[in-house]
Amino acid sequence: MAEFENRVALVTGGSTGIGAATARLLAQKGAAVAVNYATSKKEAEQVVQDIRDSGGKAVAIQADVTKPADVHRLAETVHSELGLVDFLINNAGGLLGREPIREMTLDLWNRTM
């Protein structure tokens, strides 16, 4: 039995970079993976295809995690497609811009976190 068999993982920002690598690793360990993306549909679909080609289960779901309605739809879609989420990897972060932490306003910090 795989380490995360019968578990569901949601990886926000899962279409590229660290998020994509995390999604693939979770799938290798047996988790069904929801790959969330905001704009990188092609990349998210490639991550899902890679997981499926390796015998795993995955879906790509578009949602902007800065929008409450999108987050609600994301959660409902993951639940209906894969089941209850066991692992949430909150990797989305490039949506709001990049500033050195010492220069971030409280508002930007709150929207990012």
C-alpha atoms as a PDB file:
ATOM      1  CA  MET A   1       0.000   0.000   0.000  1.00  0.00           C
ATOM      2  CA  ALA A   2       1.322   3.434  -0.960  1.00  0.00           C
ATOM      3  CA  GLU A   3       1.976   5.919   1.832  1.00  0.00           C
ATOM      4  CA  PHE A   4      -0.873   8.280   0.827  1.00  0.00           C
ATOM      5  CA  GLU A   5      -3.255   5.779  -0.772  1.00  0.00           C
ATOM      6  CA  ASN A   6      -6.916   6.749  -0.306  1.00  0.00           C
ATOM      7  CA  ARG A   7      -5.877  10.329   0.481  1.00  0.00           C
ATOM      8  CA  VAL A   8      -6.738  13.480  -1.443  1.00  0.00           C
ATOM      9  CA  ALA A   9      -4.357  16.394  -1.897  1.00  0.00           C
ATOM     10  CA  LEU A  10      -5.167  19.870  -3.179  1.00  0.00           C
ATOM     11  CA  VAL A  11      -2.168  21.812  -4.452  1.00  0.00           C
ATOM     12  CA  THR A  12      -2.897  25.474  -5.117  1.00  0.00           C
ATOM     13  CA  GLY A  13      -0.491  26.930  -7.638  1.00  0.00           C
ATOM     14  CA  GLY A  14       0.085  23.354  -8.754  1.00  0.00           C
ATOM     15  CA  SER A  15       0.708  23.905 -12.442  1.00  0.00           C
ATOM     16  CA  THR A  16       4.369  24.970 -12.426  1.00  0.00           C
ATOM     17  CA  GLY A  17       7.548  24.952 -10.364  1.00  0.00           C
ATOM     18  CA  ILE A  18       7.401  23.812  -6.758  1.00  0.00           C
ATOM     19  CA  GLY A  19       3.641  23.257  -6.936  1.00  0.00           C
ATOM     20  CA  ALA A  20       3.903  20.943  -9.942  1.00  0.00           C
ATOM     21  CA  ALA A  21       6.766  19.008  -8.346  1.00  0.00           C
ATOM     22  CA  THR A  22       4.758  18.675  -5.129  1.00  0.00           C
ATOM     23  CA  ALA A  23       1.679  17.449  -7.017  1.00  0.00           C
ATOM     24  CA  ARG A  24       3.738  14.812  -8.826  1.00  0.00           C
ATOM     25  CA  LEU A  25       5.421  13.663  -5.595  1.00  0.00           C
ATOM     26  CA  LEU A  26       2.115  13.340  -3.739  1.00  0.00           C
ATOM     27  CA  ALA A  27       0.742  11.291  -6.629  1.00  0.00           C
ATOM     28  CA  GLN A  28       3.834   9.045  -6.603  1.00  0.00           C
ATOM     29  CA  LYS A  29       3.090   8.395  -2.942  1.00  0.00           C
ATOM     30  CA  GLY A  30      -0.473   7.370  -3.814  1.00  0.00           C
ATOM     31  CA  ALA A  31      -2.583  10.488  -3.257  1.00  0.00           C
ATOM     32  CA  ALA A  32      -5.279  11.592  -5.664  1.00  0.00           C
ATOM     33  CA  VAL A  33      -4.284  15.149  -6.558  1.00  0.00           C
ATOM     34  CA  ALA A  34      -6.253  18.269  -7.451  1.00  0.00           C
ATOM     35  CA  VAL A  35      -3.945  20.579  -9.399  1.00  0.00           C
ATOM     36  CA  ASN A  36      -5.201  24.139  -8.984  1.00  0.00           C
ATOM     37  CA  TYR A  37      -4.188  26.879 -11.392  1.00  0.00           C
ATOM     38  CA  ALA A  38      -5.229  30.471 -12.016  1.00  0.00           C
ATOM     39  CA  THR A  39      -4.048  31.007 -15.596  1.00  0.00           C
ATOM     40  CA  SER A  40      -1.640  28.188 -16.524  1.00  0.00           C
ATOM     41  CA  LYS A  41      -4.194  25.746 -17.935  1.00  0.00           C
ATOM     42  CA  LYS A  42      -1.835  24.027 -20.388  1.00  0.00           C
ATOM     43  CA  GLU A  43       0.782  23.450 -17.694  1.00  0.00           C
ATOM     44  CA  ALA A  44      -1.810  22.164 -15.197  1.00  0.00           C
ATOM     45  CA  GLU A  45      -3.188  19.742 -17.766  1.00  0.00           C
ATOM     46  CA  GLN A  46       0.363  18.485 -18.409  1.00  0.00           C
ATOM     47  CA  VAL A  47       0.910  17.828 -14.687  1.00  0.00           C
ATOM     48  CA  VAL A  48      -2.385  15.916 -14.573  1.00  0.00           C
ATOM     49  CA  GLN A  49      -1.441  13.921 -17.670  1.00  0.00           C
ATOM     50  CA  ASP A  50       1.965  13.070 -16.194  1.00  0.00           C
ATOM     51  CA  ILE A  51       0.277  11.818 -13.020  1.00  0.00           C
ATOM     52  CA  ARG A  52      -2.260   9.761 -14.961  1.00  0.00           C
ATOM     53  CA  ASP A  53       0.447   8.331 -17.222  1.00  0.00           C
ATOM     54  CA  SER A  54       2.193   7.101 -14.068  1.00  0.00           C
ATOM     55  CA  GLY A  55      -0.983   5.372 -12.879  1.00  0.00           C
ATOM     56  CA  GLY A  56      -2.195   8.100 -10.547  1.00  0.00           C
ATOM     57  CA  LYS A  57      -5.442  10.003 -10.245  1.00  0.00           C
ATOM     58  CA  ALA A  58      -5.537  13.767 -10.777  1.00  0.00           C
ATOM     59  CA  VAL A  59      -7.714  16.629 -11.973  1.00  0.00           C
ATOM     60  CA  ALA A  60      -6.893  20.201 -12.986  1.00  0.00           C
ATOM     61  CA  ILE A  61      -9.177  22.889 -11.564  1.00  0.00           C
ATOM     62  CA  GLN A  62      -9.065  26.573 -12.434  1.00  0.00           C
ATOM     63  CA  ALA A  63      -9.663  28.962  -9.545  1.00  0.00           C
ATOM     64  CA  ASP A  64      -8.254  32.283  -8.407  1.00  0.00           C
ATOM     65  CA  VAL A  65      -7.662  31.658  -4.708  1.00  0.00           C
ATOM     66  CA  THR A  66      -7.899  35.385  -3.959  1.00  0.00           C
ATOM     67  CA  LYS A  67     -11.624  35.246  -4.829  1.00  0.00           C
ATOM     68  CA  PRO A  68     -13.939  33.658  -2.236  1.00  0.00           C
ATOM     69  CA  ALA A  69     -16.417  32.426  -4.863  1.00  0.00           C
ATOM     70  CA  ASP A  70     -13.604  30.675  -6.744  1.00  0.00           C
ATOM     71  CA  VAL A  71     -12.326  29.068  -3.534  1.00  0.00           C
ATOM     72  CA  HIS A  72     -15.823  27.772  -2.754  1.00  0.00           C
ATOM     73  CA  ARG A  73     -16.170  26.339  -6.271  1.00  0.00           C
ATOM     74  CA  LEU A  74     -12.675  24.824  -6.021  1.00  0.00           C
ATOM     75  CA  ALA A  75     -13.538  23.059  -2.765  1.00  0.00           C
ATOM     76  CA  GLU A  76     -16.832  21.756  -4.152  1.00  0.00           C
ATOM     77  CA  THR A  77     -15.170  20.499  -7.325  1.00  0.00           C
ATOM     78  CA  VAL A  78     -12.380  18.710  -5.466  1.00  0.00           C
ATOM     79  CA  HIS A  79     -14.939  17.084  -3.180  1.00  0.00           C
ATOM     80  CA  SER A  80     -17.145  15.919  -6.053  1.00  0.00           C
ATOM     81  CA  GLU A  81     -14.233  14.714  -8.224  1.00  0.00           C
ATOM     82  CA  LEU A  82     -11.874  13.194  -5.644  1.00  0.00           C
ATOM     83  CA  GLY A  83     -13.424  13.303  -2.167  1.00  0.00           C
ATOM     84  CA  LEU A  84     -12.628  15.156   1.031  1.00  0.00           C
ATOM     85  CA  VAL A  85      -9.278  16.929   1.126  1.00  0.00           C
ATOM     86  CA  ASP A  86      -6.709  15.352   3.435  1.00  0.00           C
ATOM     87  CA  PHE A  87      -3.769  17.569   2.457  1.00  0.00           C
ATOM     88  CA  LEU A  88      -3.865  21.226   1.429  1.00  0.00           C
ATOM     89  CA  ILE A  89      -0.657  22.557  -0.065  1.00  0.00           C
ATOM     90  CA  ASN A  90      -1.109  26.331  -0.247  1.00  0.00           C
ATOM     91  CA  ASN A  91       1.459  27.144  -2.904  1.00  0.00           C
ATOM     92  CA  ALA A  92      -0.345  29.906  -4.824  1.00  0.00           C
ATOM     93  CA  GLY A  93       1.432  33.171  -4.302  1.00  0.00           C
ATOM     94  CA  GLY A  94       2.501  34.813  -7.512  1.00  0.00           C
ATOM     95  CA  LEU A  95      -0.913  36.374  -7.964  1.00  0.00           C
ATOM     96  CA  LEU A  96      -0.273  39.548  -5.989  1.00  0.00           C
ATOM     97  CA  GLY A  97       3.172  40.658  -7.001  1.00  0.00           C
ATOM     98  CA  ARG A  98       6.490  40.358  -5.267  1.00  0.00           C
ATOM     99  CA  GLU A  99       8.011  42.693  -2.722  1.00  0.00           C
ATOM    100  CA  PRO A 100      10.657  42.230  -0.066  1.00  0.00           C
ATOM    101  CA  ILE A 101       8.849  41.203   3.111  1.00  0.00           C
ATOM    102  CA  ARG A 102      10.137  44.232   5.005  1.00  0.00           C
ATOM    103  CA  GLU A 103       8.421  46.478   2.433  1.00  0.00           C
ATOM    104  CA  MET A 104       5.061  44.676   2.373  1.00  0.00           C
ATOM    105  CA  THR A 105       2.024  46.545   3.572  1.00  0.00           C
ATOM    106  CA  LEU A 106      -0.257  44.808   6.053  1.00  0.00           C
ATOM    107  CA  ASP A 107      -2.975  44.683   3.391  1.00  0.00           C
ATOM    108  CA  LEU A 108      -0.686  42.917   0.897  1.00  0.00           C
ATOM    109  CA  TRP A 109       0.463  40.492   3.601  1.00  0.00           C
ATOM    110  CA  ASN A 110      -3.138  39.632   4.505  1.00  0.00           C
ATOM    111  CA  ARG A 111      -4.158  39.119   0.875  1.00  0.00           C
ATOM    112  CA  THR A 112      -1.105  36.953   0.250  1.00  0.00           C
ATOM    113  CA  MET A 113      -1.501  34.793   3.326  1.00  0.00           C
END
